[in-house]
Amino acid sequence: MERQVGKAGKGMQIFTNITPSRLQALIDHIRTDTSGWKAVDVSIEGADKPDTQMISERIKTFFGDTEGAIFVCGSRKILTLGMLGEGIDFGTLKQQLAAHLPEYNCTINTGNITREGLEVIAIRLQVTDAGPSAPQPAEAAAVSLLGLRMQRSKKVFFVVDDDLFMRSLLTKALAPYGEVVALDDGKDLLQTYREKNPDVVFLDIHLPCGSGVDLLEDIMHFDNTAGVVILSADRIKDNVLLAQARGARSFVAKPFTKEKIEEAMNKCLEQATLLAR
């Protein structure tokens, strides 16, 4: 049944930052019955300093009394968890959202599923009134990186994991599809990323140099078209939605199978094709 977005429920609260503890209570509630709940992942592009507070307020107005919460995740990401119901008409959703945010062009993709079983609706907002000037340097660089990846004949994959056995398994699974660069630590990840421009990064969430989520944020700041898959054996402490809010395309739980790795790889490559259109 088609549902009119923004009707019924308890209303949404806006949080100006996202942490696992703040998400946990809502996730525990969602897990009692996931039907109808969606994760709406909003990326803001093209503006020099987007007003995320204003955008989040308009998103709250747009969803009306819908039950859920809105998390502001840095300067260009907003994550909404909401009881939107089933059978959403995405064409109508796009038109309604555009009416609330006339300064932005709106693009909507869907298909990813979180570990909690929530469908992810990915929304890209691109500023419409950019004037005659060229795109912002960071945005132009990201588009250029994506274009180079789409043009070359051989795919490049990064495997970042301090476990030798896991690196070997991932390398073996990915080798038939392209070049594999294996790193045992993330300390030189961003520099190597700049040099190799990988199609997909398989990134362990726990590394000797620190959190994989922090490294993910560094990558996405440099290239917001990056395809990053988070790897983790810790399903309780590591909140997958936190990583997805920071830009991860997918999550693979350890121990993993070859099929799961290939599925995550293909999801990232398909998303890259959509972004390049």
Protein backbone atom coordinates (compact mmCIF):
# COMPACT_ATOMS: atom_id res chain seq x y z
CA MET A 1 0.00 0.00 0.00
CA GLU A 2 1.30 3.44 -0.91
CA ARG A 3 1.88 5.68 2.08
CA GLN A 4 1.76 9.45 2.26
CA VAL A 5 5.08 10.47 3.78
CA GLY A 6 4.87 12.59 6.93
CA LYS A 7 1.64 11.34 8.50
CA ALA A 8 1.00 9.87 11.95
CA GLY A 9 3.54 8.93 14.61
CA LYS A 10 5.33 10.59 17.50
CA GLY A 11 7.43 13.15 15.65
CA MET A 12 11.19 13.41 15.15
CA GLN A 13 13.95 14.89 17.30
CA ILE A 14 17.08 16.44 15.78
CA PHE A 15 20.50 15.50 17.20
CA THR A 16 23.43 17.70 16.20
CA ASN A 17 25.88 14.81 16.27
CA ILE A 18 25.70 11.05 15.90
CA THR A 19 27.09 8.53 18.37
CA PRO A 20 26.45 4.82 18.90
CA SER A 21 24.91 5.49 22.32
CA ARG A 22 22.37 7.94 20.91
CA LEU A 23 21.44 5.52 18.16
CA GLN A 24 21.21 2.48 20.41
CA ALA A 25 17.91 3.28 22.15
CA LEU A 26 16.19 3.97 18.83
CA ILE A 27 17.71 0.87 17.23
CA ASP A 28 16.55 -1.29 20.14
CA HIS A 29 13.05 0.08 19.61
CA ILE A 30 13.21 -0.50 15.85
CA ARG A 31 14.37 -4.09 16.31
CA THR A 32 11.09 -4.97 18.05
CA ASP A 33 9.41 -4.51 14.65
CA THR A 34 11.45 -3.30 11.66
CA SER A 35 8.53 -3.23 9.22
CA GLY A 36 8.06 0.23 7.77
CA TRP A 37 11.27 1.69 9.19
CA LYS A 38 13.73 3.28 6.72
CA ALA A 39 17.19 4.81 6.96
CA VAL A 40 17.31 8.02 4.93
CA ASP A 41 20.93 8.95 4.18
CA VAL A 42 21.22 12.55 2.92
CA SER A 43 24.43 13.82 1.29
CA ILE A 44 24.80 17.56 0.57
CA GLU A 45 26.93 18.56 -2.41
CA GLY A 46 27.96 21.72 -4.22
CA ALA A 47 27.59 24.28 -1.42
CA ASP A 48 30.73 25.76 0.14
CA LYS A 49 29.36 25.59 3.69
CA PRO A 50 25.90 23.99 3.65
CA ASP A 51 23.56 24.94 6.48
CA THR A 52 22.92 21.44 7.84
CA GLN A 53 20.85 22.81 10.73
CA MET A 54 18.47 24.54 8.32
CA ILE A 55 18.28 21.46 6.10
CA SER A 56 17.63 19.15 9.04
CA GLU A 57 14.85 21.48 10.26
CA ARG A 58 13.22 21.37 6.83
CA ILE A 59 13.57 17.59 6.73
CA LYS A 60 11.82 17.47 10.10
CA THR A 61 9.01 19.66 8.75
CA PHE A 62 8.82 17.49 5.64
CA PHE A 63 8.37 14.27 7.62
CA GLY A 64 5.87 15.94 9.93
CA ASP A 65 4.70 13.68 12.77
CA THR A 66 6.54 10.62 11.46
CA GLU A 67 8.13 8.65 14.29
CA GLY A 68 11.94 8.64 14.27
CA ALA A 69 15.03 10.80 14.69
CA ILE A 70 17.32 13.02 12.62
CA PHE A 71 21.11 12.95 13.15
CA VAL A 72 23.41 15.68 11.78
CA CYS A 73 26.64 13.84 10.87
CA GLY A 74 29.27 16.45 10.14
CA SER A 75 29.00 19.24 7.58
CA ARG A 76 27.54 17.29 4.64
CA LYS A 77 25.66 14.28 5.98
CA ILE A 78 22.26 13.90 7.65
CA LEU A 79 20.85 10.53 8.70
CA THR A 80 17.15 10.05 9.38
CA LEU A 81 15.64 6.90 10.86
CA GLY A 82 11.92 7.03 10.32
CA MET A 83 8.75 4.97 10.30
CA LEU A 84 7.90 5.78 6.68
CA GLY A 85 5.84 2.68 6.01
CA GLU A 86 5.87 0.35 3.02
CA GLY A 87 5.21 1.01 -0.66
CA ILE A 88 6.75 4.49 -0.84
CA ASP A 89 6.36 6.21 -4.21
CA PHE A 90 9.90 7.54 -4.74
CA GLY A 91 8.86 9.88 -7.55
CA THR A 92 6.36 11.55 -5.20
CA LEU A 93 8.92 11.55 -2.40
CA LYS A 94 11.40 13.39 -4.63
CA GLN A 95 8.83 16.02 -5.67
CA GLN A 96 7.68 16.64 -2.11
CA LEU A 97 11.22 16.93 -0.76
CA ALA A 98 12.23 19.27 -3.60
CA ALA A 99 9.36 21.57 -2.62
CA HIS A 100 10.80 21.83 0.91
CA LEU A 101 14.37 22.38 -0.34
CA PRO A 102 14.05 24.49 -3.53
CA GLU A 103 17.73 25.52 -3.34
CA TYR A 104 18.79 21.95 -4.14
CA ASN A 105 18.42 19.40 -6.90
CA CYS A 106 17.34 16.09 -5.39
CA THR A 107 18.47 12.62 -6.51
CA ILE A 108 17.14 9.47 -4.81
CA ASN A 109 18.53 5.93 -4.93
CA THR A 110 17.49 2.92 -2.90
CA GLY A 111 18.39 -0.75 -2.53
CA ASN A 112 20.95 -1.06 0.27
CA ILE A 113 19.90 -2.90 3.43
CA THR A 114 21.42 -2.26 6.84
CA ARG A 115 22.39 -5.07 9.19
CA GLU A 116 19.25 -4.29 11.19
CA GLY A 117 17.17 -5.03 8.08
CA LEU A 118 16.32 -1.43 7.21
CA GLU A 119 16.07 -0.29 3.61
CA VAL A 120 18.40 2.66 2.93
CA ILE A 121 17.08 5.57 0.89
CA ALA A 122 20.11 7.53 -0.37
CA ILE A 123 19.36 11.19 -1.15
CA ARG A 124 21.85 13.54 -2.82
CA LEU A 125 21.17 17.26 -2.55
CA GLN A 126 23.08 19.45 -5.01
CA VAL A 127 22.85 23.22 -4.80
CA THR A 128 20.88 24.63 -7.74
CA ASP A 129 21.88 28.31 -7.53
CA ALA A 130 25.64 27.91 -7.94
CA GLY A 131 26.00 30.94 -10.21
CA PRO A 132 28.50 31.07 -13.09
CA SER A 133 31.44 29.83 -11.04
CA ALA A 134 32.97 26.38 -11.44
CA PRO A 135 32.21 23.56 -8.98
CA GLN A 136 33.91 23.73 -5.59
CA PRO A 137 37.41 22.17 -5.74
CA ALA A 138 36.55 19.21 -3.50
CA GLU A 139 33.41 18.45 -5.51
CA ALA A 140 35.23 18.75 -8.82
CA ALA A 141 38.03 16.51 -7.57
CA ALA A 142 35.54 13.83 -6.49
CA VAL A 143 33.81 13.89 -9.87
CA SER A 144 37.20 13.63 -11.58
CA LEU A 145 38.23 10.66 -9.43
CA LEU A 146 34.99 8.84 -10.18
CA GLY A 147 35.37 9.57 -13.89
CA LEU A 148 38.89 8.15 -13.93
CA ARG A 149 37.71 4.99 -12.17
CA MET A 150 34.89 4.51 -14.65
CA GLN A 151 37.19 4.97 -17.67
CA ARG A 152 40.02 2.60 -16.78
CA SER A 153 39.84 -1.02 -17.87
CA LYS A 154 41.09 -2.62 -14.63
CA LYS A 155 39.44 -2.32 -11.24
CA VAL A 156 41.51 -1.54 -8.14
CA PHE A 157 40.56 -2.82 -4.68
CA PHE A 158 41.96 -1.91 -1.27
CA VAL A 159 42.02 -4.37 1.62
CA VAL A 160 42.80 -2.67 4.95
CA ASP A 161 43.00 -5.17 7.82
CA ASP A 162 45.71 -5.91 10.38
CA ASP A 163 44.85 -9.63 10.37
CA LEU A 164 47.07 -11.46 7.86
CA PHE A 165 44.58 -14.30 7.46
CA MET A 166 41.72 -11.89 6.67
CA ARG A 167 43.86 -9.96 4.21
CA SER A 168 44.74 -13.20 2.44
CA LEU A 169 41.11 -14.30 2.21
CA LEU A 170 39.98 -10.95 0.86
CA THR A 171 42.85 -10.76 -1.61
CA LYS A 172 42.03 -14.21 -2.93
CA ALA A 173 38.34 -13.35 -3.32
CA LEU A 174 38.99 -10.04 -5.11
CA ALA A 175 42.00 -10.95 -7.28
CA PRO A 176 39.89 -12.34 -10.17
CA TYR A 177 38.21 -8.94 -10.56
CA GLY A 178 41.21 -6.61 -10.59
CA GLU A 179 44.30 -5.35 -8.79
CA VAL A 180 44.31 -5.78 -5.00
CA VAL A 181 46.32 -3.49 -2.71
CA ALA A 182 46.56 -4.98 0.80
CA LEU A 183 47.41 -2.74 3.78
CA ASP A 184 47.95 -3.94 7.35
CA ASP A 185 47.40 -0.50 8.86
CA GLY A 186 45.45 2.62 7.95
CA LYS A 187 48.14 5.18 8.73
CA ASP A 188 49.06 5.66 5.04
CA LEU A 189 45.59 4.88 3.70
CA LEU A 190 44.64 8.35 2.49
CA GLN A 191 47.97 8.91 0.73
CA THR A 192 47.73 5.52 -0.97
CA TYR A 193 44.12 6.28 -1.87
CA ARG A 194 45.23 9.48 -3.62
CA GLU A 195 47.83 7.54 -5.59
CA LYS A 196 45.75 4.51 -6.60
CA ASN A 197 42.15 5.84 -6.66
CA PRO A 198 40.55 2.48 -5.75
CA ASP A 199 37.10 1.40 -6.91
CA VAL A 200 36.27 -0.28 -3.60
CA VAL A 201 37.91 -0.13 -0.15
CA PHE A 202 37.34 -3.01 2.29
CA LEU A 203 38.09 -1.37 5.64
CA ASP A 204 38.33 -3.09 9.02
CA ILE A 205 36.64 -1.07 11.76
CA HIS A 206 39.40 -1.85 14.31
CA LEU A 207 42.97 -1.00 13.27
CA PRO A 208 46.22 -0.40 15.19
CA CYS A 209 46.21 3.25 14.12
CA GLY A 210 42.64 3.87 15.32
CA SER A 211 39.02 3.62 14.26
CA GLY A 212 38.08 2.59 10.76
CA VAL A 213 35.09 4.94 11.01
CA ASP A 214 37.48 7.90 11.43
CA LEU A 215 39.46 6.73 8.39
CA LEU A 216 36.20 6.39 6.48
CA GLU A 217 35.38 10.00 7.28
CA ASP A 218 38.81 11.09 6.00
CA ILE A 219 38.26 9.21 2.74
CA MET A 220 34.77 10.65 2.23
CA HIS A 221 36.05 14.18 2.90
CA PHE A 222 38.59 13.69 0.11
CA ASP A 223 36.27 11.75 -2.24
CA ASN A 224 32.54 11.71 -1.51
CA THR A 225 32.01 9.23 -4.36
CA ALA A 226 34.22 6.59 -2.68
CA GLY A 227 33.00 3.01 -2.36
CA VAL A 228 33.86 1.82 1.15
CA VAL A 229 32.82 -1.50 2.74
CA ILE A 230 33.19 -1.76 6.53
CA LEU A 231 34.44 -5.08 7.96
CA SER A 232 33.80 -6.04 11.59
CA ALA A 233 33.53 -9.07 13.84
CA ASP A 234 31.99 -7.00 16.64
CA ARG A 235 28.31 -6.75 15.82
CA ILE A 236 27.22 -5.26 19.13
CA LYS A 237 29.66 -2.45 19.87
CA ASP A 238 30.25 -1.32 16.30
CA ASN A 239 27.15 0.42 15.10
CA VAL A 240 26.81 -0.17 11.38
CA LEU A 241 24.48 2.78 10.96
CA LEU A 242 27.21 5.07 12.29
CA ALA A 243 29.52 3.90 9.50
CA GLN A 244 26.78 4.23 6.89
CA ALA A 245 26.03 7.74 8.12
CA ARG A 246 29.67 8.59 7.50
CA GLY A 247 29.44 7.29 3.92
CA ALA A 248 30.02 3.51 3.94
CA ARG A 249 28.23 1.75 1.07
CA SER A 250 28.00 -1.63 2.75
CA PHE A 251 28.93 -3.75 5.76
CA VAL A 252 30.32 -7.30 5.90
CA ALA A 253 30.41 -9.21 9.17
CA LYS A 254 33.33 -11.45 10.07
CA PRO A 255 33.72 -14.31 9.46
CA PHE A 256 32.65 -13.64 5.89
CA THR A 257 32.15 -15.75 2.80
CA LYS A 258 33.43 -15.19 -0.72
CA GLU A 259 29.83 -14.61 -1.80
CA LYS A 260 29.34 -11.82 0.77
CA ILE A 261 32.51 -10.08 -0.38
CA GLU A 262 31.44 -10.28 -4.01
CA GLU A 263 27.98 -8.99 -3.11
CA ALA A 264 29.43 -5.96 -1.31
CA MET A 265 31.88 -5.33 -4.16
CA ASN A 266 29.10 -5.41 -6.76
CA LYS A 267 26.94 -3.09 -4.66
CA CYS A 268 29.73 -0.49 -4.61
CA LEU A 269 30.37 -0.81 -8.33
CA GLU A 270 26.67 -0.46 -9.10
CA GLN A 271 26.45 2.65 -6.92
CA ALA A 272 29.44 4.14 -8.75
CA THR A 273 27.66 3.58 -12.07
CA LEU A 274 24.58 5.41 -10.75
CA LEU A 275 26.67 8.32 -9.46
CA ALA A 276 28.44 8.66 -12.80
CA ARG A 277 25.21 9.13 -14.76
